[in-house]
Amino acid sequence: MTTLPTYRWRLAPDGYATRRQLRARGLRPGGQDVAAQLERPRRRRPPLVAYLYRVDLAKPVRPMTEARWAALEAANRARRTCPACRRDAGYVIPASLGMCVTCAFPEPSDSPRSA
């Protein structure tokens, strides 16, 4: 196993980029192996590591097709649909609740209050 070239945070040479930096340029790694890594030192903890890819070997991002747009819309619709009442909540259902806010915290019924 070969060791990767390691650079300190913000000191990587030109021609290398992280996945996010590639994506901001409209590129993707395109199957290439990790070319280098960045290390950001931290106190009392292991360093943060970011992998770098060569920009010259990166490929353009594949365009969205109609089928991919439809699949994305279906996935987002499923995240908005409450499993309890089966209605579109209009927002992504919180994983901590597992249902829409209306189902998780129902309004108390019109019960007579004690005076």
PDB file of N, CA and C in Angstrom:
ATOM      1  N   MET A   1       0.847  -1.185   0.000  1.00  0.00           N
ATOM      2  CA  MET A   1       0.000   0.000   0.000  1.00  0.00           C
ATOM      3  C   MET A   1       0.885   1.237   0.000  1.00  0.00           C
ATOM      4  N   THR A   2       0.614   2.144  -0.904  1.00  0.00           N
ATOM      5  CA  THR A   2       1.401   3.368  -0.975  1.00  0.00           C
ATOM      6  C   THR A   2       0.750   4.439  -0.124  1.00  0.00           C
ATOM      7  N   THR A   3       1.577   5.287   0.427  1.00  0.00           N
ATOM      8  CA  THR A   3       1.039   6.375   1.242  1.00  0.00           C
ATOM      9  C   THR A   3       0.708   7.559   0.351  1.00  0.00           C
ATOM     10  N   LEU A   4      -0.312   8.263   0.712  1.00  0.00           N
ATOM     11  CA  LEU A   4      -0.742   9.432  -0.055  1.00  0.00           C
ATOM     12  C   LEU A   4       0.098  10.642   0.314  1.00  0.00           C
ATOM     13  N   PRO A   5       0.364  11.522  -0.642  1.00  0.00           N
ATOM     14  CA  PRO A   5       0.991  12.793  -0.280  1.00  0.00           C
ATOM     15  C   PRO A   5       0.050  13.555   0.653  1.00  0.00           C
ATOM     16  N   THR A   6       0.596  14.087   1.725  1.00  0.00           N
ATOM     17  CA  THR A   6      -0.208  14.784   2.715  1.00  0.00           C
ATOM     18  C   THR A   6       0.230  16.241   2.797  1.00  0.00           C
ATOM     19  N   TYR A   7      -0.770  17.118   2.719  1.00  0.00           N
ATOM     20  CA  TYR A   7      -0.506  18.555   2.793  1.00  0.00           C
ATOM     21  C   TYR A   7      -1.232  19.125   3.998  1.00  0.00           C
ATOM     22  N   ARG A   8      -0.690  20.209   4.520  1.00  0.00           N
ATOM     23  CA  ARG A   8      -1.363  20.893   5.615  1.00  0.00           C
ATOM     24  C   ARG A   8      -2.558  21.649   5.068  1.00  0.00           C
ATOM     25  N   TRP A   9      -3.496  21.929   5.964  1.00  0.00           N
ATOM     26  CA  TRP A   9      -4.733  22.617   5.607  1.00  0.00           C
ATOM     27  C   TRP A   9      -4.434  23.907   4.858  1.00  0.00           C
ATOM     28  N   ARG A  10      -5.108  24.142   3.744  1.00  0.00           N
ATOM     29  CA  ARG A  10      -4.993  25.329   2.891  1.00  0.00           C
ATOM     30  C   ARG A  10      -3.668  25.438   2.145  1.00  0.00           C
ATOM     31  N   LEU A  11      -2.865  24.386   2.154  1.00  0.00           N
ATOM     32  CA  LEU A  11      -1.563  24.459   1.487  1.00  0.00           C
ATOM     33  C   LEU A  11      -1.425  23.431   0.369  1.00  0.00           C
ATOM     34  N   ALA A  12      -2.528  22.969  -0.177  1.00  0.00           N
ATOM     35  CA  ALA A  12      -2.463  22.005  -1.282  1.00  0.00           C
ATOM     36  C   ALA A  12      -2.040  22.720  -2.555  1.00  0.00           C
ATOM     37  N   PRO A  13      -1.262  22.063  -3.388  1.00  0.00           N
ATOM     38  CA  PRO A  13      -0.846  22.706  -4.642  1.00  0.00           C
ATOM     39  C   PRO A  13      -2.017  22.815  -5.620  1.00  0.00           C
ATOM     40  N   ASP A  14      -1.858  23.678  -6.614  1.00  0.00           N
ATOM     41  CA  ASP A  14      -2.881  23.823  -7.645  1.00  0.00           C
ATOM     42  C   ASP A  14      -3.022  22.500  -8.399  1.00  0.00           C
ATOM     43  N   GLY A  15      -4.198  22.274  -8.915  1.00  0.00           N
ATOM     44  CA  GLY A  15      -4.431  21.048  -9.673  1.00  0.00           C
ATOM     45  C   GLY A  15      -5.106  19.962  -8.850  1.00  0.00           C
ATOM     46  N   TYR A  16      -5.294  20.186  -7.552  1.00  0.00           N
ATOM     47  CA  TYR A  16      -5.996  19.248  -6.681  1.00  0.00           C
ATOM     48  C   TYR A  16      -7.247  19.924  -6.134  1.00  0.00           C
ATOM     49  N   ALA A  17      -8.294  19.133  -5.909  1.00  0.00           N
ATOM     50  CA  ALA A  17      -9.527  19.689  -5.361  1.00  0.00           C
ATOM     51  C   ALA A  17     -10.269  18.597  -4.599  1.00  0.00           C
ATOM     52  N   THR A  18     -11.051  19.016  -3.610  1.00  0.00           N
ATOM     53  CA  THR A  18     -11.912  18.086  -2.885  1.00  0.00           C
ATOM     54  C   THR A  18     -13.157  17.816  -3.726  1.00  0.00           C
ATOM     55  N   ARG A  19     -13.979  16.870  -3.286  1.00  0.00           N
ATOM     56  CA  ARG A  19     -15.229  16.574  -4.006  1.00  0.00           C
ATOM     57  C   ARG A  19     -16.117  17.816  -4.100  1.00  0.00           C
ATOM     58  N   ARG A  20     -16.222  18.545  -3.004  1.00  0.00           N
ATOM     59  CA  ARG A  20     -17.065  19.753  -3.018  1.00  0.00           C
ATOM     60  C   ARG A  20     -16.523  20.801  -3.972  1.00  0.00           C
ATOM     61  N   GLN A  21     -15.223  20.962  -4.002  1.00  0.00           N
ATOM     62  CA  GLN A  21     -14.630  21.936  -4.906  1.00  0.00           C
ATOM     63  C   GLN A  21     -14.821  21.517  -6.362  1.00  0.00           C
ATOM     64  N   LEU A  22     -14.708  20.210  -6.623  1.00  0.00           N
ATOM     65  CA  LEU A  22     -14.971  19.722  -7.972  1.00  0.00           C
ATOM     66  C   LEU A  22     -16.417  19.985  -8.362  1.00  0.00           C
ATOM     67  N   ARG A  23     -17.326  19.695  -7.449  1.00  0.00           N
ATOM     68  CA  ARG A  23     -18.748  19.880  -7.736  1.00  0.00           C
ATOM     69  C   ARG A  23     -19.065  21.351  -8.014  1.00  0.00           C
ATOM     70  N   ALA A  24     -18.421  22.263  -7.292  1.00  0.00           N
ATOM     71  CA  ALA A  24     -18.642  23.691  -7.517  1.00  0.00           C
ATOM     72  C   ALA A  24     -18.179  24.107  -8.917  1.00  0.00           C
ATOM     73  N   ARG A  25     -17.243  23.371  -9.481  1.00  0.00           N
ATOM     74  CA  ARG A  25     -16.768  23.643 -10.839  1.00  0.00           C
ATOM     75  C   ARG A  25     -17.550  22.846 -11.885  1.00  0.00           C
ATOM     76  N   GLY A  26     -18.537  22.077 -11.450  1.00  0.00           N
ATOM     77  CA  GLY A  26     -19.312  21.268 -12.383  1.00  0.00           C
ATOM     78  C   GLY A  26     -18.609  19.988 -12.781  1.00  0.00           C
ATOM     79  N   LEU A  27     -17.740  19.487 -11.908  1.00  0.00           N
ATOM     80  CA  LEU A  27     -16.968  18.273 -12.189  1.00  0.00           C
ATOM     81  C   LEU A  27     -17.243  17.203 -11.147  1.00  0.00           C
ATOM     82  N   ARG A  28     -16.805  15.977 -11.447  1.00  0.00           N
ATOM     83  CA  ARG A  28     -16.888  14.851 -10.515  1.00  0.00           C
ATOM     84  C   ARG A  28     -15.586  14.075 -10.612  1.00  0.00           C
ATOM     85  N   PRO A  29     -15.218  13.283  -9.596  1.00  0.00           N
ATOM     86  CA  PRO A  29     -13.957  12.544  -9.657  1.00  0.00           C
ATOM     87  C   PRO A  29     -13.879  11.594 -10.860  1.00  0.00           C
ATOM     88  N   GLY A  30     -14.991  10.994 -11.251  1.00  0.00           N
ATOM     89  CA  GLY A  30     -14.998  10.172 -12.451  1.00  0.00           C
ATOM     90  C   GLY A  30     -14.228   8.874 -12.334  1.00  0.00           C
ATOM     91  N   GLY A  31     -14.237   8.257 -11.152  1.00  0.00           N
ATOM     92  CA  GLY A  31     -13.606   6.954 -10.988  1.00  0.00           C
ATOM     93  C   GLY A  31     -12.129   6.990 -10.641  1.00  0.00           C
ATOM     94  N   GLN A  32     -11.530   8.148 -10.602  1.00  0.00           N
ATOM     95  CA  GLN A  32     -10.105   8.202 -10.266  1.00  0.00           C
ATOM     96  C   GLN A  32      -9.890   7.940  -8.776  1.00  0.00           C
ATOM     97  N   ASP A  33      -8.734   7.434  -8.448  1.00  0.00           N
ATOM     98  CA  ASP A  33      -8.385   7.199  -7.047  1.00  0.00           C
ATOM     99  C   ASP A  33      -8.028   8.515  -6.369  1.00  0.00           C
ATOM    100  N   VAL A  34      -8.034   8.508  -5.052  1.00  0.00           N
ATOM    101  CA  VAL A  34      -7.629   9.683  -4.278  1.00  0.00           C
ATOM    102  C   VAL A  34      -6.163   9.956  -4.582  1.00  0.00           C
ATOM    103  N   ALA A  35      -5.837  11.205  -4.909  1.00  0.00           N
ATOM    104  CA  ALA A  35      -4.480  11.559  -5.307  1.00  0.00           C
ATOM    105  C   ALA A  35      -3.645  12.064  -4.129  1.00  0.00           C
ATOM    106  N   ALA A  36      -4.276  12.723  -3.165  1.00  0.00           N
ATOM    107  CA  ALA A  36      -3.558  13.283  -2.019  1.00  0.00           C
ATOM    108  C   ALA A  36      -4.566  13.540  -0.907  1.00  0.00           C
ATOM    109  N   GLN A  37      -4.071  14.032   0.209  1.00  0.00           N
ATOM    110  CA  GLN A  37      -4.974  14.363   1.314  1.00  0.00           C
ATOM    111  C   GLN A  37      -4.503  15.613   2.028  1.00  0.00           C
ATOM    112  N   LEU A  38      -5.480  16.294   2.619  1.00  0.00           N
ATOM    113  CA  LEU A  38      -5.207  17.453   3.458  1.00  0.00           C
ATOM    114  C   LEU A  38      -5.396  17.038   4.906  1.00  0.00           C
ATOM    115  N   GLU A  39      -4.597  17.568   5.797  1.00  0.00           N
ATOM    116  CA  GLU A  39      -4.793  17.328   7.218  1.00  0.00           C
ATOM    117  C   GLU A  39      -4.908  18.663   7.940  1.00  0.00           C
ATOM    118  N   ARG A  40      -5.961  18.761   8.721  1.00  0.00           N
ATOM    119  CA  ARG A  40      -6.162  19.948   9.550  1.00  0.00           C
ATOM    120  C   ARG A  40      -5.952  19.534  10.992  1.00  0.00           C
ATOM    121  N   PRO A  41      -4.891  20.006  11.630  1.00  0.00           N
ATOM    122  CA  PRO A  41      -4.625  19.596  13.006  1.00  0.00           C
ATOM    123  C   PRO A  41      -5.683  20.130  13.975  1.00  0.00           C
ATOM    124  N   ARG A  42      -5.946  19.340  15.019  1.00  0.00           N
ATOM    125  CA  ARG A  42      -6.879  19.743  16.068  1.00  0.00           C
ATOM    126  C   ARG A  42      -6.240  19.412  17.412  1.00  0.00           C
ATOM    127  N   ARG A  43      -6.614  20.154  18.424  1.00  0.00           N
ATOM    128  CA  ARG A  43      -6.066  19.908  19.766  1.00  0.00           C
ATOM    129  C   ARG A  43      -6.728  18.697  20.393  1.00  0.00           C
ATOM    130  N   ARG A  44      -5.921  17.838  20.956  1.00  0.00           N
ATOM    131  CA  ARG A  44      -6.372  16.667  21.712  1.00  0.00           C
ATOM    132  C   ARG A  44      -7.270  15.713  20.929  1.00  0.00           C
ATOM    133  N   ARG A  45      -7.287  15.833  19.617  1.00  0.00           N
ATOM    134  CA  ARG A  45      -8.083  14.924  18.791  1.00  0.00           C
ATOM    135  C   ARG A  45      -7.306  14.612  17.522  1.00  0.00           C
ATOM    136  N   PRO A  46      -7.647  13.539  16.857  1.00  0.00           N
ATOM    137  CA  PRO A  46      -6.954  13.259  15.593  1.00  0.00           C
ATOM    138  C   PRO A  46      -7.261  14.336  14.557  1.00  0.00           C
ATOM    139  N   PRO A  47      -6.391  14.540  13.583  1.00  0.00           N
ATOM    140  CA  PRO A  47      -6.611  15.608  12.602  1.00  0.00           C
ATOM    141  C   PRO A  47      -7.789  15.296  11.674  1.00  0.00           C
ATOM    142  N   LEU A  48      -8.398  16.356  11.167  1.00  0.00           N
ATOM    143  CA  LEU A  48      -9.420  16.193  10.135  1.00  0.00           C
ATOM    144  C   LEU A  48      -8.717  15.908   8.817  1.00  0.00           C
ATOM    145  N   VAL A  49      -9.275  15.007   8.030  1.00  0.00           N
ATOM    146  CA  VAL A  49      -8.664  14.632   6.766  1.00  0.00           C
ATOM    147  C   VAL A  49      -9.647  14.900   5.635  1.00  0.00           C
ATOM    148  N   ALA A  50      -9.163  15.526   4.575  1.00  0.00           N
ATOM    149  CA  ALA A  50      -9.956  15.755   3.365  1.00  0.00           C
ATOM    150  C   ALA A  50      -9.189  15.151   2.196  1.00  0.00           C
ATOM    151  N   TYR A  51      -9.868  14.353   1.394  1.00  0.00           N
ATOM    152  CA  TYR A  51      -9.218  13.716   0.256  1.00  0.00           C
ATOM    153  C   TYR A  51      -9.241  14.636  -0.959  1.00  0.00           C
ATOM    154  N   LEU A  52      -8.158  14.596  -1.725  1.00  0.00           N
ATOM    155  CA  LEU A  52      -8.008  15.452  -2.896  1.00  0.00           C
ATOM    156  C   LEU A  52      -7.962  14.606  -4.162  1.00  0.00           C
ATOM    157  N   TYR A  53      -8.553  15.149  -5.219  1.00  0.00           N
ATOM    158  CA  TYR A  53      -8.565  14.506  -6.526  1.00  0.00           C
ATOM    159  C   TYR A  53      -7.914  15.436  -7.532  1.00  0.00           C
ATOM    160  N   ARG A  54      -7.372  14.868  -8.598  1.00  0.00           N
ATOM    161  CA  ARG A  54      -6.740  15.671  -9.637  1.00  0.00           C
ATOM    162  C   ARG A  54      -7.815  16.302 -10.514  1.00  0.00           C
ATOM    163  N   VAL A  55      -7.699  17.596 -10.714  1.00  0.00           N
ATOM    164  CA  VAL A  55      -8.697  18.327 -11.498  1.00  0.00           C
ATOM    165  C   VAL A  55      -8.599  17.949 -12.975  1.00  0.00           C
ATOM    166  N   ASP A  56      -7.388  17.702 -13.479  1.00  0.00           N
ATOM    167  CA  ASP A  56      -7.234  17.391 -14.904  1.00  0.00           C
ATOM    168  C   ASP A  56      -7.846  16.041 -15.283  1.00  0.00           C
ATOM    169  N   LEU A  57      -8.032  15.129 -14.309  1.00  0.00           N
ATOM    170  CA  LEU A  57      -8.637  13.826 -14.584  1.00  0.00           C
ATOM    171  C   LEU A  57     -10.135  13.803 -14.282  1.00  0.00           C
ATOM    172  N   ALA A  58     -10.657  14.890 -13.743  1.00  0.00           N
ATOM    173  CA  ALA A  58     -12.076  14.944 -13.384  1.00  0.00           C
ATOM    174  C   ALA A  58     -12.931  15.032 -14.642  1.00  0.00           C
ATOM    175  N   LYS A  59     -14.141  14.501 -14.526  1.00  0.00           N
ATOM    176  CA  LYS A  59     -15.080  14.491 -15.652  1.00  0.00           C
ATOM    177  C   LYS A  59     -16.250  15.413 -15.341  1.00  0.00           C
ATOM    178  N   PRO A  60     -16.958  15.862 -16.368  1.00  0.00           N
ATOM    179  CA  PRO A  60     -18.120  16.718 -16.115  1.00  0.00           C
ATOM    180  C   PRO A  60     -19.231  15.954 -15.399  1.00  0.00           C
ATOM    181  N   VAL A  61     -20.017  16.669 -14.624  1.00  0.00           N
ATOM    182  CA  VAL A  61     -21.154  16.079 -13.922  1.00  0.00           C
ATOM    183  C   VAL A  61     -22.182  15.641 -14.963  1.00  0.00           C
ATOM    184  N   ARG A  62     -22.747  14.466 -14.750  1.00  0.00           N
ATOM    185  CA  ARG A  62     -23.768  13.983 -15.679  1.00  0.00           C
ATOM    186  C   ARG A  62     -25.025  14.831 -15.540  1.00  0.00           C
ATOM    187  N   PRO A  63     -25.663  15.193 -16.641  1.00  0.00           N
ATOM    188  CA  PRO A  63     -26.875  16.018 -16.556  1.00  0.00           C
ATOM    189  C   PRO A  63     -28.051  15.219 -16.013  1.00  0.00           C
ATOM    190  N   MET A  64     -28.998  15.933 -15.412  1.00  0.00           N
ATOM    191  CA  MET A  64     -30.202  15.292 -14.896  1.00  0.00           C
ATOM    192  C   MET A  64     -31.117  14.935 -16.055  1.00  0.00           C
ATOM    193  N   THR A  65     -31.603  13.705 -16.069  1.00  0.00           N
ATOM    194  CA  THR A  65     -32.561  13.275 -17.081  1.00  0.00           C
ATOM    195  C   THR A  65     -33.966  13.410 -16.506  1.00  0.00           C
ATOM    196  N   GLU A  66     -34.968  13.247 -17.364  1.00  0.00           N
ATOM    197  CA  GLU A  66     -36.354  13.312 -16.899  1.00  0.00           C
ATOM    198  C   GLU A  66     -36.627  12.240 -15.849  1.00  0.00           C
ATOM    199  N   ALA A  67     -36.088  11.053 -16.049  1.00  0.00           N
ATOM    200  CA  ALA A  67     -36.304   9.962 -15.093  1.00  0.00           C
ATOM    201  C   ALA A  67     -35.663  10.276 -13.740  1.00  0.00           C
ATOM    202  N   ARG A  68     -34.476  10.881 -13.753  1.00  0.00           N
ATOM    203  CA  ARG A  68     -33.816  11.230 -12.492  1.00  0.00           C
ATOM    204  C   ARG A  68     -34.574  12.334 -11.770  1.00  0.00           C
ATOM    205  N   TRP A  69     -35.109  13.328 -12.537  1.00  0.00           N
ATOM    206  CA  TRP A  69     -35.925  14.376 -11.919  1.00  0.00           C
ATOM    207  C   TRP A  69     -37.166  13.769 -11.282  1.00  0.00           C
ATOM    208  N   ALA A  70     -37.796  12.813 -11.983  1.00  0.00           N
ATOM    209  CA  ALA A  70     -39.004  12.169 -11.460  1.00  0.00           C
ATOM    210  C   ALA A  70     -38.689  11.374 -10.201  1.00  0.00           C
ATOM    211  N   ALA A  71     -37.565  10.664 -10.187  1.00  0.00           N
ATOM    212  CA  ALA A  71     -37.175   9.899  -9.005  1.00  0.00           C
ATOM    213  C   ALA A  71     -36.877  10.814  -7.823  1.00  0.00           C
ATOM    214  N   LEU A  72     -36.240  11.940  -8.084  1.00  0.00           N
ATOM    215  CA  LEU A  72     -35.949  12.902  -7.018  1.00  0.00           C
ATOM    216  C   LEU A  72     -37.239  13.486  -6.450  1.00  0.00           C
ATOM    217  N   GLU A  73     -38.189  13.809  -7.321  1.00  0.00           N
ATOM    218  CA  GLU A  73     -39.475  14.333  -6.875  1.00  0.00           C
ATOM    219  C   GLU A  73     -40.230  13.300  -6.037  1.00  0.00           C
ATOM    220  N   ALA A  74     -40.192  12.040  -6.450  1.00  0.00           N
ATOM    221  CA  ALA A  74     -40.866  10.980  -5.691  1.00  0.00           C
ATOM    222  C   ALA A  74     -40.220  10.800  -4.321  1.00  0.00           C
ATOM    223  N   ALA A  75     -38.899  10.869  -4.252  1.00  0.00           N
ATOM    224  CA  ALA A  75     -38.209  10.726  -2.975  1.00  0.00           C
ATOM    225  C   ALA A  75     -38.550  11.877  -2.041  1.00  0.00           C
ATOM    226  N   ASN A  76     -38.587  13.104  -2.570  1.00  0.00           N
ATOM    227  CA  ASN A  76     -38.931  14.259  -1.740  1.00  0.00           C
ATOM    228  C   ASN A  76     -40.389  14.204  -1.289  1.00  0.00           C
ATOM    229  N   ARG A  77     -41.276  13.725  -2.161  1.00  0.00           N
ATOM    230  CA  ARG A  77     -42.678  13.584  -1.789  1.00  0.00           C
ATOM    231  C   ARG A  77     -42.825  12.569  -0.651  1.00  0.00           C
ATOM    232  N   ALA A  78     -42.059  11.484  -0.708  1.00  0.00           N
ATOM    233  CA  ALA A  78     -42.108  10.481   0.352  1.00  0.00           C
ATOM    234  C   ALA A  78     -41.609  11.049   1.679  1.00  0.00           C
ATOM    235  N   ARG A  79     -40.633  11.937   1.643  1.00  0.00           N
ATOM    236  CA  ARG A  79     -40.119  12.548   2.871  1.00  0.00           C
ATOM    237  C   ARG A  79     -41.108  13.528   3.480  1.00  0.00           C
ATOM    238  N   ARG A  80     -42.023  14.069   2.644  1.00  0.00           N
ATOM    239  CA  ARG A  80     -43.015  15.021   3.130  1.00  0.00           C
ATOM    240  C   ARG A  80     -44.323  14.361   3.553  1.00  0.00           C
ATOM    241  N   THR A  81     -44.540  13.104   3.186  1.00  0.00           N
ATOM    242  CA  THR A  81     -45.804  12.429   3.475  1.00  0.00           C
ATOM    243  C   THR A  81     -45.781  11.833   4.873  1.00  0.00           C
ATOM    244  N   CYS A  82     -46.773  12.180   5.669  1.00  0.00           N
ATOM    245  CA  CYS A  82     -46.878  11.686   7.046  1.00  0.00           C
ATOM    246  C   CYS A  82     -47.350  10.233   7.012  1.00  0.00           C
ATOM    247  N   PRO A  83     -46.653   9.314   7.704  1.00  0.00           N
ATOM    248  CA  PRO A  83     -47.086   7.921   7.703  1.00  0.00           C
ATOM    249  C   PRO A  83     -48.364   7.699   8.508  1.00  0.00           C
ATOM    250  N   ALA A  84     -48.696   8.605   9.426  1.00  0.00           N
ATOM    251  CA  ALA A  84     -49.887   8.427  10.267  1.00  0.00           C
ATOM    252  C   ALA A  84     -51.160   8.868   9.544  1.00  0.00           C
ATOM    253  N   CYS A  85     -51.161  10.057   8.958  1.00  0.00           N
ATOM    254  CA  CYS A  85     -52.370  10.583   8.328  1.00  0.00           C
ATOM    255  C   CYS A  85     -52.318  10.541   6.798  1.00  0.00           C
ATOM    256  N   ARG A  86     -51.165  10.164   6.230  1.00  0.00           N
ATOM    257  CA  ARG A  86     -50.994  10.029   4.782  1.00  0.00           C
ATOM    258  C   ARG A  86     -51.210  11.325   3.997  1.00  0.00           C
ATOM    259  N   ARG A  87     -50.999  12.474   4.641  1.00  0.00           N
ATOM    260  CA  ARG A  87     -51.126  13.753   3.956  1.00  0.00           C
ATOM    261  C   ARG A  87     -49.748  14.344   3.704  1.00  0.00           C
ATOM    262  N   ASP A  88     -49.652  15.173   2.667  1.00  0.00           N
ATOM    263  CA  ASP A  88     -48.421  15.889   2.383  1.00  0.00           C
ATOM    264  C   ASP A  88     -48.334  17.028   3.395  1.00  0.00           C
ATOM    265  N   ALA A  89     -47.310  16.992   4.245  1.00  0.00           N
ATOM    266  CA  ALA A  89     -47.182  17.984   5.308  1.00  0.00           C
ATOM    267  C   ALA A  89     -46.713  19.335   4.768  1.00  0.00           C
ATOM    268  N   GLY A  90     -46.120  19.372   3.587  1.00  0.00           N
ATOM    269  CA  GLY A  90     -45.610  20.620   3.046  1.00  0.00           C
ATOM    270  C   GLY A  90     -44.191  20.912   3.495  1.00  0.00           C
ATOM    271  N   TYR A  91     -43.616  20.026   4.295  1.00  0.00           N
ATOM    272  CA  TYR A  91     -42.238  20.149   4.770  1.00  0.00           C
ATOM    273  C   TYR A  91     -41.720  18.739   5.007  1.00  0.00           C
ATOM    274  N   VAL A  92     -40.413  18.600   5.138  1.00  0.00           N
ATOM    275  CA  VAL A  92     -39.819  17.292   5.391  1.00  0.00           C
ATOM    276  C   VAL A  92     -40.157  16.885   6.823  1.00  0.00           C
ATOM    277  N   ILE A  93     -40.711  15.670   6.966  1.00  0.00           N
ATOM    278  CA  ILE A  93     -41.109  15.163   8.283  1.00  0.00           C
ATOM    279  C   ILE A  93     -39.854  14.987   9.138  1.00  0.00           C
ATOM    280  N   PRO A  94     -39.801  15.542  10.350  1.00  0.00           N
ATOM    281  CA  PRO A  94     -38.625  15.374  11.201  1.00  0.00           C
ATOM    282  C   PRO A  94     -38.439  13.912  11.597  1.00  0.00           C
ATOM    283  N   ALA A  95     -37.239  13.409  11.496  1.00  0.00           N
ATOM    284  CA  ALA A  95     -36.956  12.024  11.862  1.00  0.00           C
ATOM    285  C   ALA A  95     -37.168  11.805  13.361  1.00  0.00           C
ATOM    286  N   SER A  96     -36.987  12.846  14.157  1.00  0.00           N
ATOM    287  CA  SER A  96     -37.161  12.704  15.602  1.00  0.00           C
ATOM    288  C   SER A  96     -38.621  12.457  15.971  1.00  0.00           C
ATOM    289  N   LEU A  97     -39.551  12.961  15.165  1.00  0.00           N
ATOM    290  CA  LEU A  97     -40.978  12.754  15.438  1.00  0.00           C
ATOM    291  C   LEU A  97     -41.521  11.534  14.701  1.00  0.00           C
ATOM    292  N   GLY A  98     -41.081  11.341  13.457  1.00  0.00           N
ATOM    293  CA  GLY A  98     -41.567  10.224  12.665  1.00  0.00           C
ATOM    294  C   GLY A  98     -42.941  10.461  12.066  1.00  0.00           C
ATOM    295  N   MET A  99     -43.521  11.613  12.301  1.00  0.00           N
ATOM    296  CA  MET A  99     -44.825  11.982  11.739  1.00  0.00           C
ATOM    297  C   MET A  99     -44.912  13.490  11.716  1.00  0.00           C
ATOM    298  N   CYS A 100     -45.968  14.008  11.091  1.00  0.00           N
ATOM    299  CA  CYS A 100     -46.100  15.461  11.016  1.00  0.00           C
ATOM    300  C   CYS A 100     -46.376  16.032  12.414  1.00  0.00           C
ATOM    301  N   VAL A 101     -46.160  17.301  12.562  1.00  0.00           N
ATOM    302  CA  VAL A 101     -46.317  17.952  13.858  1.00  0.00           C
ATOM    303  C   VAL A 101     -47.770  17.866  14.329  1.00  0.00           C
ATOM    304  N   THR A 102     -48.724  17.955  13.403  1.00  0.00           N
ATOM    305  CA  THR A 102     -50.137  17.875  13.763  1.00  0.00           C
ATOM    306  C   THR A 102     -50.479  16.521  14.370  1.00  0.00           C
ATOM    307  N   CYS A 103     -49.928  15.450  13.819  1.00  0.00           N
ATOM    308  CA  CYS A 103     -50.186  14.106  14.363  1.00  0.00           C
ATOM    309  C   CYS A 103     -49.395  13.867  15.653  1.00  0.00           C
ATOM    310  N   ALA A 104     -48.194  14.423  15.731  1.00  0.00           N
ATOM    311  CA  ALA A 104     -47.352  14.205  16.910  1.00  0.00           C
ATOM    312  C   ALA A 104     -47.883  14.954  18.127  1.00  0.00           C
ATOM    313  N   PHE A 105     -48.437  16.141  17.905  1.00  0.00           N
ATOM    314  CA  PHE A 105     -48.953  16.952  18.999  1.00  0.00           C
ATOM    315  C   PHE A 105     -50.384  17.383  18.682  1.00  0.00           C
ATOM    316  N   PRO A 106     -51.350  16.471  18.808  1.00  0.00           N
ATOM    317  CA  PRO A 106     -52.730  16.838  18.469  1.00  0.00           C
ATOM    318  C   PRO A 106     -53.274  17.871  19.437  1.00  0.00           C
ATOM    319  N   GLU A 107     -54.156  18.707  18.923  1.00  0.00           N
ATOM    320  CA  GLU A 107     -54.795  19.711  19.751  1.00  0.00           C
ATOM    321  C   GLU A 107     -55.735  18.998  20.713  1.00  0.00           C
ATOM    322  N   PRO A 108     -55.793  19.439  21.944  1.00  0.00           N
ATOM    323  CA  PRO A 108     -56.742  18.812  22.881  1.00  0.00           C
ATOM    324  C   PRO A 108     -58.172  19.047  22.392  1.00  0.00           C
ATOM    325  N   SER A 109     -59.031  18.037  22.569  1.00  0.00           N
ATOM    326  CA  SER A 109     -60.423  18.185  22.120  1.00  0.00           C
ATOM    327  C   SER A 109     -61.151  19.183  23.029  1.00  0.00           C
ATOM    328  N   ASP A 110     -62.314  19.583  22.594  1.00  0.00           N
ATOM    329  CA  ASP A 110     -63.095  20.576  23.360  1.00  0.00           C
ATOM    330  C   ASP A 110     -63.659  19.914  24.613  1.00  0.00           C
ATOM    331  N   SER A 111     -62.805  19.752  25.580  1.00  0.00           N
ATOM    332  CA  SER A 111     -63.269  19.179  26.842  1.00  0.00           C
ATOM    333  C   SER A 111     -63.575  20.313  27.819  1.00  0.00           C
ATOM    334  N   PRO A 112     -64.570  20.117  28.676  1.00  0.00           N
ATOM    335  CA  PRO A 112     -64.873  21.176  29.631  1.00  0.00           C
ATOM    336  C   PRO A 112     -63.739  21.377  30.619  1.00  0.00           C
ATOM    337  N   ARG A 113     -63.429  22.617  30.838  1.00  0.00           N
ATOM    338  CA  ARG A 113     -62.352  22.929  31.774  1.00  0.00           C
ATOM    339  C   ARG A 113     -62.944  23.043  33.189  1.00  0.00           C
ATOM    340  N   SER A 114     -62.156  22.610  34.112  1.00  0.00           N
ATOM    341  CA  SER A 114     -62.615  22.741  35.493  1.00  0.00           C
ATOM    342  C   SER A 114     -62.328  24.144  35.974  1.00  0.00           C
ATOM    343  N   ALA A 115     -63.293  24.732  36.660  1.00  0.00           N
ATOM    344  CA  ALA A 115     -63.179  26.110  37.087  1.00  0.00           C
ATOM    345  C   ALA A 115     -62.508  26.254  38.408  1.00  0.00           C
TER     346      ALA A 115
END
